[in-house]
């Protein structure tokens, strides 16, 4: 079975280090199959990846695809809630894509065992990236990378964070929590970053207008909107 990853899933491969990977909310198990098939994983034991999901249907689909790929001895499937029970496989890299930022944060907060040296998180929140990033700092994780991708009209941010409780956390602004940092991005990534910022600006301004029309005070959002506007203007001026 040959697997070709979509652009948003492909962003995970940039941060995988080669140990044992847990793909939480795996659905079809395309990501762990690709990582094993393409030589990204080379752990010491037989199991190189865990494909887990809370529901039976995705686990059954994942198992079928793993068998078809001939990787049943390298990838195990687990039906579980979040990260519960996955510590027995000793994963070093934990991938959670396709969930809201608040849910990802709740999954991490419920799994005490992830807070140890050597753990890397590779996360792609569909919503509330700012709340997830705040939770990461509280849990002792330092953000070490951001990668942006696009599929059709949808834009995605992939966050890589390493457990580093002694690391001096940067005091991120509200916009930086929401968007990530532009520092060090290549030209193509910077363009995607600006598009990601524009998407959020459009959403925020529309929401603010709707609230104002209903008589709700929206002054608490003024600072965030102004900061995102400044980021976009700076980016446009550099073209």
Protein backbone atom coordinates (compact mmCIF):
# COMPACT_ATOMS: atom_id res chain seq x y z
CA UNK A 1 0.00 0.00 0.00
CA UNK A 2 1.49 3.31 -1.12
CA UNK A 3 0.53 6.39 0.90
CA UNK A 4 0.78 10.00 -0.26
CA UNK A 5 0.25 12.56 2.47
CA UNK A 6 -1.71 15.77 2.07
CA UNK A 7 0.22 19.04 2.61
CA UNK A 8 -1.12 19.52 6.15
CA UNK A 9 -0.19 15.97 7.23
CA UNK A 10 3.19 16.30 5.56
CA UNK A 11 4.13 19.11 7.94
CA UNK A 12 4.43 16.56 10.76
CA UNK A 13 7.35 14.81 9.05
CA UNK A 14 9.52 17.91 9.52
CA UNK A 15 9.52 17.41 13.29
CA UNK A 16 9.55 13.62 13.72
CA UNK A 17 12.89 12.57 15.21
CA UNK A 18 12.87 8.85 14.49
CA UNK A 19 11.84 7.23 17.77
CA UNK A 20 8.43 5.78 18.58
CA UNK A 21 5.52 7.93 17.37
CA UNK A 22 1.97 8.07 18.74
CA UNK A 23 -0.59 9.36 16.25
CA UNK A 24 -3.63 10.33 18.34
CA UNK A 25 -6.91 10.57 16.43
CA UNK A 26 -5.28 8.62 13.62
CA UNK A 27 -8.36 7.99 11.45
CA UNK A 28 -6.88 6.10 8.45
CA UNK A 29 -3.36 5.72 9.92
CA UNK A 30 -1.91 7.31 6.79
CA UNK A 31 0.67 9.28 8.76
CA UNK A 32 2.22 6.39 10.74
CA UNK A 33 2.16 4.20 7.61
CA UNK A 34 4.02 6.88 5.67
CA UNK A 35 6.55 7.45 8.47
CA UNK A 36 7.33 3.72 8.69
CA UNK A 37 7.36 3.11 4.93
CA UNK A 38 9.60 6.07 4.16
CA UNK A 39 12.20 5.33 6.85
CA UNK A 40 11.41 8.22 9.21
CA UNK A 41 11.18 5.84 12.18
CA UNK A 42 13.98 3.62 13.42
CA UNK A 43 13.31 2.82 17.07
CA UNK A 44 15.07 0.07 18.96
CA UNK A 45 11.99 -2.12 19.50
CA UNK A 46 9.56 -3.84 17.13
CA UNK A 47 6.82 -1.23 17.55
CA UNK A 48 7.63 2.02 15.77
CA UNK A 49 4.23 3.72 15.90
CA UNK A 50 0.91 3.70 17.69
CA UNK A 51 -2.26 4.62 15.79
CA UNK A 52 -4.97 5.48 18.31
CA UNK A 53 -8.50 6.82 18.28
CA UNK A 54 -11.37 7.10 20.73
CA UNK A 55 -13.84 5.45 18.32
CA UNK A 56 -13.90 1.89 17.00
CA UNK A 57 -14.56 2.82 13.36
CA UNK A 58 -11.32 4.75 12.79
CA UNK A 59 -9.32 2.06 14.62
CA UNK A 60 -10.79 -0.63 12.34
CA UNK A 61 -9.97 1.44 9.24
CA UNK A 62 -6.47 2.05 10.53
CA UNK A 63 -5.93 -1.66 11.20
CA UNK A 64 -7.06 -2.53 7.67
CA UNK A 65 -4.70 -0.02 6.09
CA UNK A 66 -1.81 -1.12 8.30
CA UNK A 67 -2.33 -4.77 7.33
CA UNK A 68 -2.56 -3.84 3.65
CA UNK A 69 0.74 -1.97 3.98
CA UNK A 70 2.35 -5.02 5.61
CA UNK A 71 3.20 -3.09 8.76
CA UNK A 72 1.19 -4.90 11.43
CA UNK A 73 4.41 -5.84 13.21
CA UNK A 74 5.55 -2.19 13.32
CA UNK A 75 2.36 -0.21 14.00
CA UNK A 76 -0.11 -1.08 16.76
CA UNK A 77 -3.67 0.22 16.89
CA UNK A 78 -5.29 1.23 20.17
CA UNK A 79 -8.82 2.37 20.93
CA UNK A 80 -8.51 4.79 23.81
CA UNK A 81 -9.50 8.21 25.05
CA UNK A 82 -6.72 10.67 24.25
CA UNK A 83 -3.34 9.45 25.52
CA UNK A 84 -4.70 7.06 28.13
CA UNK A 85 -2.63 3.86 28.25
CA UNK A 86 -0.23 4.86 25.48
CA UNK A 87 2.63 5.39 27.94
CA UNK A 88 3.32 1.64 27.98
CA UNK A 89 4.63 1.96 24.41
CA UNK A 90 7.03 4.74 25.49
CA UNK A 91 6.42 7.09 22.55
CA UNK A 92 8.88 9.94 22.17
CA UNK A 93 6.97 11.98 19.58
CA UNK A 94 3.23 12.58 20.01
CA UNK A 95 1.20 13.78 17.03
CA UNK A 96 -2.29 15.23 17.51
CA UNK A 97 -3.88 16.70 14.38
CA UNK A 98 -7.42 17.61 13.45
CA UNK A 99 -8.82 18.62 16.85
CA UNK A 100 -9.65 21.92 18.49
CA UNK A 101 -6.91 23.56 20.52
CA UNK A 102 -8.88 23.32 23.75
CA UNK A 103 -9.44 19.57 23.29
CA UNK A 104 -5.74 18.99 22.53
CA UNK A 105 -4.84 20.92 25.68
CA UNK A 106 -7.29 18.84 27.74
CA UNK A 107 -5.79 15.60 26.37
CA UNK A 108 -2.29 16.72 27.31
CA UNK A 109 -3.33 17.96 30.74
CA UNK A 110 -4.94 14.58 31.49
CA UNK A 111 -1.75 12.65 30.65
CA UNK A 112 0.77 13.34 33.40
CA UNK A 113 3.29 10.98 31.80
CA UNK A 114 3.97 13.29 28.84
CA UNK A 115 5.68 15.78 31.13
CA UNK A 116 9.13 14.27 31.03
CA UNK A 117 12.44 14.79 29.26
CA UNK A 118 12.55 13.61 25.68
CA UNK A 119 8.89 14.12 24.87
CA UNK A 120 8.07 16.09 21.73
CA UNK A 121 4.58 17.26 20.77
CA UNK A 122 3.60 17.81 17.13
CA UNK A 123 0.20 19.50 17.12
CA UNK A 124 -2.17 20.96 14.57
CA UNK A 125 -5.11 22.73 16.25
CA UNK A 126 -8.15 23.43 14.09
CA UNK A 127 -9.28 26.18 16.46
CA UNK A 128 -8.00 28.18 19.43
CA UNK A 129 -4.28 27.81 18.81
CA UNK A 130 -3.75 30.62 21.31
CA UNK A 131 -5.36 28.62 24.14
CA UNK A 132 -3.30 25.56 23.27
CA UNK A 133 -0.07 27.56 23.27
CA UNK A 134 -0.89 29.05 26.66
CA UNK A 135 -1.53 25.54 28.00
CA UNK A 136 1.77 24.28 26.59
CA UNK A 137 3.70 26.88 28.56
CA UNK A 138 1.81 25.94 31.73
CA UNK A 139 2.63 22.25 31.17
CA UNK A 140 6.34 23.00 30.74
CA UNK A 141 6.63 22.76 26.95
CA UNK A 142 8.60 25.22 24.85
CA UNK A 143 7.47 25.91 21.30
CA UNK A 144 10.42 25.17 19.03
CA UNK A 145 8.80 25.42 15.61
CA UNK A 146 5.79 26.51 13.56
CA UNK A 147 4.98 25.35 10.05
CA UNK A 148 2.10 26.53 7.88
CA UNK A 149 0.27 24.68 5.12
CA UNK A 150 -2.66 25.18 2.79
CA UNK A 151 -5.20 22.83 1.24
CA UNK A 152 -7.68 24.61 -0.97
CA UNK A 153 -8.99 27.57 1.01
CA UNK A 154 -8.01 26.07 4.37
CA UNK A 155 -4.85 27.20 6.16
CA UNK A 156 -3.22 25.25 8.97
CA UNK A 157 -0.58 25.85 11.64
CA UNK A 158 1.53 22.95 12.90
CA UNK A 159 3.18 23.52 16.28
CA UNK A 160 6.21 21.63 17.55
CA UNK A 161 6.93 21.78 21.29
CA UNK A 162 9.55 20.02 23.43
CA UNK A 163 9.32 19.36 27.14
CA UNK A 164 11.62 21.93 28.72
CA UNK A 165 10.31 23.02 32.14
CA UNK A 166 13.50 24.93 32.95
CA UNK A 167 13.45 26.84 29.68
CA UNK A 168 12.71 30.55 30.08
CA UNK A 169 9.35 30.88 28.35
CA UNK A 170 8.99 33.85 26.07
CA UNK A 171 6.16 36.20 26.98
CA UNK A 172 4.18 35.89 23.77
CA UNK A 173 1.69 38.56 22.81
CA UNK A 174 -1.91 37.60 22.07
CA UNK A 175 -1.23 37.72 18.33
CA UNK A 176 1.90 35.60 18.66
CA UNK A 177 -0.02 32.97 20.64
CA UNK A 178 -2.68 32.89 17.93
CA UNK A 179 -0.44 33.05 14.86
CA UNK A 180 3.03 31.91 15.92
CA UNK A 181 6.24 33.79 15.18
CA UNK A 182 7.42 34.88 11.75
CA UNK A 183 11.10 34.85 12.75
CA UNK A 184 13.19 32.48 10.66
CA UNK A 185 10.47 31.53 8.18
CA UNK A 186 11.51 31.00 4.58
CA UNK A 187 9.80 33.06 1.88
CA UNK A 188 7.11 30.50 1.08
CA UNK A 189 6.36 29.88 4.75
CA UNK A 190 6.22 33.62 5.41
CA UNK A 191 3.62 34.02 2.66
CA UNK A 192 1.52 31.28 4.25
CA UNK A 193 1.99 32.91 7.66
CA UNK A 194 0.64 36.19 6.31
CA UNK A 195 -2.30 34.41 4.70
CA UNK A 196 -2.97 32.69 8.02
CA UNK A 197 -2.89 36.09 9.75
CA UNK A 198 -5.31 37.57 7.20
CA UNK A 199 -7.70 34.67 7.69
CA UNK A 200 -7.79 35.28 11.43
CA UNK A 201 -8.14 39.04 10.94
CA UNK A 202 -11.17 38.51 8.72
CA UNK A 203 -12.75 36.18 11.29
CA UNK A 204 -12.03 38.51 14.21
CA UNK A 205 -13.31 41.66 12.53
CA UNK A 206 -16.50 39.92 11.39
CA UNK A 207 -17.09 38.59 14.90
CA UNK A 208 -16.41 41.99 16.41
CA UNK A 209 -18.86 43.66 14.02
CA UNK A 210 -21.55 41.11 14.87
CA UNK A 211 -21.04 41.66 18.59
CA UNK A 212 -21.10 45.44 18.21
CA UNK A 213 -24.35 45.22 16.25
CA UNK A 214 -25.82 43.32 19.19
CA UNK A 215 -24.69 45.99 21.62
CA UNK A 216 -21.83 43.93 23.08
CA UNK A 217 -18.68 45.78 24.14
CA UNK A 218 -15.82 44.56 21.93
CA UNK A 219 -13.01 46.79 23.15
CA UNK A 220 -11.17 43.78 24.59
CA UNK A 221 -10.49 42.60 21.02
CA UNK A 222 -9.15 45.94 19.75
CA UNK A 223 -5.57 45.26 20.79
CA UNK A 224 -5.41 41.83 19.11
CA UNK A 225 -6.93 43.11 15.89
CA UNK A 226 -4.55 46.08 15.83
CA UNK A 227 -1.53 43.83 16.39
CA UNK A 228 -2.54 41.45 13.58
CA UNK A 229 -3.11 44.44 11.30
CA UNK A 230 0.40 45.65 12.11
CA UNK A 231 1.87 42.22 11.32
CA UNK A 232 0.11 42.14 7.96
CA UNK A 233 1.10 45.72 7.06
CA UNK A 234 4.72 44.95 7.90
CA UNK A 235 4.61 41.87 5.72
CA UNK A 236 3.02 43.68 2.81
CA UNK A 237 5.63 46.45 3.01
CA UNK A 238 8.41 43.89 2.61
CA UNK A 239 7.10 42.56 -0.71
